[in-house]
Amino acid sequence: MLGMLATFAALSISGIPFAGPVGAARVGFTEDEGYILNPTFEQLKKSELDMVVAGTRDAVLMVESEAQELTEDEMLGAVLFAQQEYQVAIQAIQEFAAEVGKPAWDWQPEAEKTAVKEAVAAAFEQKIRDAYAVTIKQDRTNTLSALRTEAEAMLVGEEEGKFSADDVQSYFSKLEKSVVRGNIISGQPRIDGRDSKTVRPINVEVGLLKKTHGSALFTRGETQAIVTTTLGTARDAQFIDALEGESRDPFMLHYNFPPFSVGECGRMGPPGRREIGHGRLARRGIQAVLPTDEEFPYTIRVVSEITESNGSSSMASVCGSSLALMDA
């Protein structure tokens, strides 16, 4: 939390273009005390909520939390409570910047290159619209890749009426964004043909791996996870040596996202920041409904293998983990 506020303060006094200041607050919650601002470690042990909220004076920008099955009203109340309380930090940062801030940079964004923008739009806007009407992700990706290659061949060069490859690719990407965003705002169907209220087709299967304690295959549209559950004794718990001290964790959730899940070739190595972050996110969705150590004195390890991804593989891991745990 201090690191976030220090970052916001440093940006505010630097003079660089910054739409801040931004404030942040951590919120806990108990039935007896209600909402708790910036709870201590001891308070968090008893808290039913651990939420971090960041935002400007008028809007919330980021919410990250884990909770013990609180109601929607209680969660919304925590966000509003945090927004109210971090106004103090925003005010302090503003006063700090007024006192020691550097002069604002005299910076203007690069002028729009209308010639290349119009050339790309004239030749490829309709083709991009047609490409985004393709509902199968891999086919759509291949079509757009071919259009990018065609755009370079047609518009890149040194002669009159030609442009640099960087400019063509940049405005091609901007045109893609404009087409997709325009379709959303106008209420047209999403890329895969669904309206805003339709869930992608869901298929589930449990017990598909006979040698594991529990297993599940969860498929939602073009996102798929194979999840396994393994049980062990208390001696198998993960040993953690952290700044707060040593501890043992009887629940592990590992998330693996191989390159082939998105049709790419890549190095298979140790978990990266993405795998660790998504695994932590999925763990937060599961941990609140696990039995206590007294109720179930065993170690639980869940592994989610993403075999295909077209959005929200972390939540596919949550659903698959629930199924695999019930199968175990």
Protein backbone atom coordinates (compact mmCIF):
# COMPACT_ATOMS: atom_id res chain seq x y z
CA MET A 1 0.00 0.00 0.00
CA LEU A 2 2.78 2.42 0.89
CA GLY A 3 4.51 1.53 -2.36
CA MET A 4 1.40 2.44 -4.35
CA LEU A 5 0.95 5.78 -2.61
CA ALA A 6 4.66 6.58 -2.94
CA THR A 7 4.46 5.85 -6.68
CA PHE A 8 1.46 8.13 -7.09
CA ALA A 9 3.24 10.87 -5.15
CA ALA A 10 6.43 10.53 -7.21
CA LEU A 11 4.47 10.78 -10.46
CA SER A 12 2.57 13.81 -9.19
CA ILE A 13 5.73 15.81 -8.39
CA SER A 14 7.70 14.70 -11.47
CA GLY A 15 6.07 17.12 -13.90
CA ILE A 16 5.38 14.43 -16.50
CA PRO A 17 1.89 14.18 -18.03
CA PHE A 18 -0.13 12.32 -15.39
CA ALA A 19 -3.92 12.24 -14.96
CA GLY A 20 -3.61 11.89 -11.20
CA PRO A 21 -3.22 12.11 -8.35
CA VAL A 22 -4.44 8.64 -7.43
CA GLY A 23 -5.21 7.35 -3.95
CA ALA A 24 -5.47 3.84 -2.55
CA ALA A 25 -6.76 2.09 0.55
CA ARG A 26 -6.99 -1.43 1.95
CA VAL A 27 -10.28 -2.43 3.57
CA GLY A 28 -11.09 -5.22 6.00
CA PHE A 29 -14.46 -6.22 7.41
CA THR A 30 -15.86 -8.02 10.45
CA GLU A 31 -19.41 -8.30 11.71
CA ASP A 32 -18.44 -6.63 14.99
CA GLU A 33 -16.29 -3.76 13.72
CA GLY A 34 -17.72 -3.20 10.25
CA TYR A 35 -15.30 -1.82 7.67
CA ILE A 36 -11.68 -1.45 8.79
CA LEU A 37 -9.35 1.00 7.05
CA ASN A 38 -5.83 -0.30 6.35
CA PRO A 39 -6.11 -3.28 8.75
CA THR A 40 -3.04 -4.70 10.48
CA PHE A 41 -1.83 -8.27 9.92
CA GLU A 42 -3.57 -9.33 13.13
CA GLN A 43 -6.82 -7.69 12.05
CA LEU A 44 -6.61 -9.35 8.63
CA LYS A 45 -6.43 -12.78 10.27
CA LYS A 46 -9.92 -12.17 11.70
CA SER A 47 -11.24 -10.18 8.75
CA GLU A 48 -13.81 -11.56 6.31
CA LEU A 49 -12.47 -9.25 3.60
CA ASP A 50 -9.12 -8.15 2.20
CA MET A 51 -9.74 -5.52 -0.47
CA VAL A 52 -7.46 -2.96 -2.11
CA VAL A 53 -9.09 -0.08 -4.00
CA ALA A 54 -7.33 2.61 -6.02
CA GLY A 55 -8.81 5.56 -7.86
CA THR A 56 -8.95 9.28 -8.50
CA ARG A 57 -11.02 11.83 -6.62
CA ASP A 58 -14.07 11.07 -8.77
CA ALA A 59 -13.70 7.47 -9.96
CA VAL A 60 -12.54 4.00 -8.94
CA LEU A 61 -9.77 2.60 -11.16
CA MET A 62 -8.86 -0.76 -9.61
CA VAL A 63 -10.34 -3.25 -7.14
CA GLU A 64 -8.60 -6.41 -5.95
CA SER A 65 -10.03 -8.50 -3.15
CA GLU A 66 -10.73 -11.82 -1.49
CA ALA A 67 -13.68 -12.34 0.81
CA GLN A 68 -15.48 -14.90 2.94
CA GLU A 69 -18.74 -15.04 0.99
CA LEU A 70 -19.87 -11.48 1.68
CA THR A 71 -23.01 -10.12 0.07
CA GLU A 72 -22.96 -7.86 -2.99
CA ASP A 73 -24.09 -4.92 -0.85
CA GLU A 74 -21.25 -5.51 1.62
CA MET A 75 -18.70 -5.67 -1.22
CA LEU A 76 -20.04 -2.50 -2.85
CA GLY A 77 -20.03 -0.79 0.53
CA ALA A 78 -16.35 -1.66 0.93
CA VAL A 79 -15.51 -0.06 -2.42
CA LEU A 80 -17.40 3.12 -1.51
CA PHE A 81 -15.81 3.17 1.95
CA ALA A 82 -12.32 2.92 0.42
CA GLN A 83 -13.08 5.63 -2.14
CA GLN A 84 -14.18 7.96 0.64
CA GLU A 85 -11.15 7.22 2.83
CA TYR A 86 -8.43 7.51 0.18
CA GLN A 87 -9.48 11.10 -0.51
CA VAL A 88 -7.20 12.00 2.42
CA ALA A 89 -4.22 10.51 0.55
CA ILE A 90 -5.15 12.34 -2.65
CA GLN A 91 -5.38 15.64 -0.78
CA ALA A 92 -1.99 15.05 0.85
CA ILE A 93 -0.38 14.22 -2.51
CA GLN A 94 -1.85 17.36 -4.07
CA GLU A 95 -0.45 19.50 -1.25
CA PHE A 96 2.91 17.75 -1.55
CA ALA A 97 3.02 18.36 -5.32
CA ALA A 98 2.09 22.02 -4.87
CA GLU A 99 4.99 22.45 -2.45
CA VAL A 100 7.83 20.53 -4.14
CA GLY A 101 6.55 19.54 -7.59
CA LYS A 102 8.66 20.20 -10.68
CA PRO A 103 7.36 22.37 -13.54
CA ALA A 104 5.01 20.53 -15.87
CA TRP A 105 6.60 19.25 -19.05
CA ASP A 106 5.77 21.18 -22.20
CA TRP A 107 4.83 18.02 -24.07
CA GLN A 108 2.35 17.44 -26.83
CA PRO A 109 1.46 14.10 -28.42
CA GLU A 110 2.63 13.44 -31.94
CA ALA A 111 0.35 14.97 -34.53
CA GLU A 112 -1.94 12.54 -36.28
CA LYS A 113 -0.66 11.42 -39.66
CA THR A 114 -3.86 11.86 -41.61
CA ALA A 115 -2.43 10.65 -44.92
CA VAL A 116 -1.49 7.19 -43.65
CA LYS A 117 -4.65 6.99 -41.53
CA GLU A 118 -6.87 7.70 -44.53
CA ALA A 119 -4.92 5.34 -46.79
CA VAL A 120 -5.20 2.44 -44.34
CA ALA A 121 -8.89 3.12 -43.70
CA ALA A 122 -9.75 3.41 -47.40
CA ALA A 123 -8.09 0.12 -48.29
CA PHE A 124 -8.77 -2.01 -45.21
CA GLU A 125 -11.66 -0.78 -43.06
CA GLN A 126 -14.27 -2.97 -44.73
CA LYS A 127 -11.88 -5.93 -44.84
CA ILE A 128 -11.25 -5.56 -41.10
CA ARG A 129 -15.00 -5.40 -40.47
CA ASP A 130 -15.44 -8.60 -42.47
CA ALA A 131 -12.59 -10.25 -40.54
CA TYR A 132 -14.22 -9.44 -37.21
CA ALA A 133 -17.39 -11.11 -38.44
CA VAL A 134 -15.49 -14.43 -38.37
CA THR A 135 -16.55 -16.11 -35.12
CA ILE A 136 -13.76 -18.73 -34.88
CA LYS A 137 -10.77 -17.14 -33.15
CA GLN A 138 -7.96 -18.90 -35.02
CA ASP A 139 -9.55 -18.25 -38.41
CA ARG A 140 -10.08 -14.60 -37.48
CA THR A 141 -6.48 -14.27 -36.29
CA ASN A 142 -5.17 -15.77 -39.52
CA THR A 143 -7.34 -13.44 -41.60
CA LEU A 144 -6.17 -10.34 -39.74
CA SER A 145 -2.55 -11.45 -40.00
CA ALA A 146 -2.93 -11.81 -43.76
CA LEU A 147 -4.49 -8.34 -43.95
CA ARG A 148 -1.54 -6.85 -42.05
CA THR A 149 0.85 -8.44 -44.53
CA GLU A 150 -1.25 -7.12 -47.41
CA ALA A 151 -1.25 -3.62 -45.89
CA GLU A 152 2.54 -3.59 -45.69
CA ALA A 153 2.90 -4.82 -49.26
CA MET A 154 0.48 -2.17 -50.53
CA LEU A 155 1.41 0.89 -48.47
CA VAL A 156 5.03 0.58 -47.30
CA GLY A 157 7.82 2.06 -49.40
CA GLU A 158 10.07 5.03 -50.11
CA GLU A 159 8.23 6.45 -53.10
CA GLU A 160 5.46 9.07 -53.16
CA GLY A 161 2.24 7.92 -51.50
CA LYS A 162 4.00 5.22 -49.46
CA PHE A 163 4.67 5.17 -45.72
CA SER A 164 6.91 3.55 -43.13
CA ALA A 165 6.11 0.05 -41.89
CA ASP A 166 5.77 1.31 -38.31
CA ASP A 167 3.18 3.91 -39.31
CA VAL A 168 1.16 1.44 -41.37
CA GLN A 169 1.11 -1.15 -38.59
CA SER A 170 0.28 1.48 -35.96
CA TYR A 171 -2.71 2.88 -37.85
CA PHE A 172 -3.84 -0.62 -38.82
CA SER A 173 -4.03 -1.46 -35.09
CA LYS A 174 -5.86 1.79 -34.35
CA LEU A 175 -8.36 0.99 -37.09
CA GLU A 176 -8.93 -2.47 -35.61
CA LYS A 177 -9.63 -0.93 -32.22
CA SER A 178 -11.98 1.63 -33.73
CA VAL A 179 -13.96 -1.04 -35.58
CA VAL A 180 -14.34 -3.31 -32.54
CA ARG A 181 -15.16 -0.45 -30.16
CA GLY A 182 -17.66 1.04 -32.60
CA ASN A 183 -19.46 -2.28 -32.91
CA ILE A 184 -19.71 -2.58 -29.12
CA ILE A 185 -21.02 0.97 -28.63
CA SER A 186 -23.60 0.57 -31.38
CA GLY A 187 -24.96 -2.60 -29.74
CA GLN A 188 -23.90 -5.01 -32.46
CA PRO A 189 -23.14 -8.66 -31.58
CA ARG A 190 -19.79 -9.46 -30.03
CA ILE A 191 -16.92 -10.88 -32.07
CA ASP A 192 -18.12 -14.47 -31.62
CA GLY A 193 -21.70 -13.59 -32.56
CA ARG A 194 -23.20 -13.39 -29.05
CA ASP A 195 -25.20 -10.51 -27.65
CA SER A 196 -24.17 -8.85 -24.38
CA LYS A 197 -26.22 -11.24 -22.21
CA THR A 198 -25.38 -14.63 -23.70
CA VAL A 199 -22.81 -16.89 -22.05
CA ARG A 200 -20.47 -18.93 -24.21
CA PRO A 201 -21.35 -22.66 -24.45
CA ILE A 202 -20.19 -24.51 -21.33
CA ASN A 203 -19.24 -28.19 -21.18
CA VAL A 204 -17.92 -30.02 -18.12
CA GLU A 205 -16.62 -33.51 -17.42
CA VAL A 206 -15.33 -34.97 -14.15
CA GLY A 207 -13.31 -38.06 -13.33
CA LEU A 208 -11.62 -38.18 -16.72
CA LEU A 209 -8.18 -38.97 -15.21
CA LYS A 210 -8.61 -42.19 -13.26
CA LYS A 211 -5.25 -42.14 -11.44
CA THR A 212 -5.81 -38.77 -9.72
CA HIS A 213 -7.79 -38.07 -6.57
CA GLY A 214 -9.97 -35.68 -8.54
CA SER A 215 -10.03 -34.32 -12.08
CA ALA A 216 -12.19 -32.17 -14.31
CA LEU A 217 -12.33 -30.82 -17.84
CA PHE A 218 -13.97 -27.40 -18.05
CA THR A 219 -14.68 -25.84 -21.45
CA ARG A 220 -16.29 -22.45 -22.02
CA GLY A 221 -16.34 -21.44 -25.65
CA GLU A 222 -12.74 -21.57 -26.85
CA THR A 223 -11.27 -21.58 -23.33
CA GLN A 224 -10.48 -24.94 -21.75
CA ALA A 225 -8.79 -26.15 -18.57
CA ILE A 226 -7.87 -29.62 -17.35
CA VAL A 227 -7.74 -29.45 -13.55
CA THR A 228 -6.47 -32.09 -11.14
CA THR A 229 -6.70 -32.37 -7.36
CA THR A 230 -4.17 -34.27 -5.26
CA LEU A 231 -4.48 -34.89 -1.52
CA GLY A 232 -1.60 -35.34 0.89
CA THR A 233 -0.82 -35.41 4.58
CA ALA A 234 -0.11 -32.36 6.72
CA ARG A 235 3.62 -32.96 6.14
CA ASP A 236 3.10 -32.17 2.44
CA ALA A 237 2.01 -28.58 3.14
CA GLN A 238 4.04 -25.87 1.45
CA PHE A 239 6.67 -24.27 3.68
CA ILE A 240 6.73 -20.47 3.36
CA ASP A 241 9.54 -18.25 4.62
CA ALA A 242 8.19 -14.71 4.17
CA LEU A 243 8.89 -11.28 5.61
CA GLU A 244 6.06 -11.85 8.08
CA GLY A 245 7.69 -15.06 9.34
CA GLU A 246 7.56 -18.78 8.64
CA SER A 247 4.33 -20.65 7.97
CA ARG A 248 2.87 -23.69 6.26
CA ASP A 249 0.16 -23.57 3.61
CA PRO A 250 -2.02 -26.69 3.23
CA PHE A 251 -3.62 -25.43 0.00
CA MET A 252 -1.74 -24.94 -3.27
CA LEU A 253 -3.23 -23.93 -6.61
CA HIS A 254 -0.89 -23.96 -9.59
CA TYR A 255 -1.85 -22.47 -12.93
CA ASN A 256 -0.02 -23.36 -16.14
CA PHE A 257 -0.48 -21.46 -19.39
CA PRO A 258 1.60 -23.11 -22.15
CA PRO A 259 2.17 -21.18 -25.40
CA PHE A 260 0.25 -23.73 -27.46
CA SER A 261 -2.97 -22.76 -25.65
CA VAL A 262 -3.06 -19.61 -27.79
CA GLY A 263 -1.59 -21.16 -30.93
CA GLU A 264 1.98 -20.01 -30.34
CA CYS A 265 5.41 -21.60 -30.11
CA GLY A 266 7.40 -20.60 -27.07
CA ARG A 267 9.81 -21.69 -24.40
CA MET A 268 8.41 -23.90 -21.65
CA GLY A 269 10.11 -22.86 -18.43
CA PRO A 270 9.37 -22.04 -14.80
CA PRO A 271 6.19 -20.12 -13.93
CA GLY A 272 6.27 -16.48 -15.00
CA ARG A 273 4.53 -13.50 -13.47
CA ARG A 274 1.38 -14.23 -15.45
CA GLU A 275 1.12 -17.81 -14.23
CA ILE A 276 1.82 -16.80 -10.64
CA GLY A 277 -0.66 -13.92 -10.76
CA HIS A 278 -3.46 -15.90 -12.38
CA GLY A 279 -2.85 -18.80 -10.01
CA ARG A 280 -3.16 -16.43 -7.08
CA LEU A 281 -6.34 -14.98 -8.54
CA ALA A 282 -7.92 -18.42 -8.97
CA ARG A 283 -6.81 -19.42 -5.48
CA ARG A 284 -8.65 -16.44 -4.02
CA GLY A 285 -11.84 -17.65 -5.65
CA ILE A 286 -11.53 -21.13 -4.11
CA GLN A 287 -9.93 -20.66 -0.71
CA ALA A 288 -12.94 -19.09 0.99
CA VAL A 289 -15.07 -22.23 0.57
CA LEU A 290 -12.44 -24.79 1.60
CA PRO A 291 -12.81 -26.61 4.93
CA THR A 292 -10.68 -25.51 7.88
CA ASP A 293 -7.62 -27.46 9.02
CA GLU A 294 -9.66 -28.86 11.90
CA GLU A 295 -12.41 -30.08 9.56
CA PHE A 296 -10.03 -31.52 6.95
CA PRO A 297 -6.42 -31.95 8.21
CA TYR A 298 -4.92 -32.75 4.81
CA THR A 299 -2.91 -30.90 2.18
CA ILE A 300 -4.69 -30.06 -1.08
CA ARG A 301 -2.87 -29.35 -4.33
CA VAL A 302 -4.83 -28.23 -7.38
CA VAL A 303 -3.19 -27.86 -10.80
CA SER A 304 -4.93 -26.13 -13.70
CA GLU A 305 -3.53 -26.84 -17.16
CA ILE A 306 -4.87 -24.42 -19.76
CA THR A 307 -5.14 -26.26 -23.08
CA GLU A 308 -6.95 -23.52 -25.00
CA SER A 309 -7.55 -19.86 -24.21
CA ASN A 310 -9.83 -17.19 -25.60
CA GLY A 311 -10.34 -15.11 -22.49
CA SER A 312 -10.69 -15.58 -18.74
CA SER A 313 -8.66 -18.74 -18.29
CA SER A 314 -8.23 -17.85 -14.61
CA MET A 315 -11.98 -18.09 -14.07
CA ALA A 316 -12.03 -21.34 -16.06
CA SER A 317 -9.47 -22.51 -13.49
CA VAL A 318 -11.83 -21.54 -10.66
CA CYS A 319 -14.70 -23.50 -12.22
CA GLY A 320 -12.49 -26.47 -13.06
CA SER A 321 -10.98 -26.44 -9.57
CA SER A 322 -14.44 -26.55 -8.01
CA LEU A 323 -15.32 -29.59 -10.11
CA ALA A 324 -12.02 -31.37 -9.44
CA LEU A 325 -12.31 -30.76 -5.69
CA MET A 326 -15.84 -32.14 -5.64
CA ASP A 327 -14.66 -35.13 -7.69
CA ALA A 328 -11.96 -35.79 -5.09
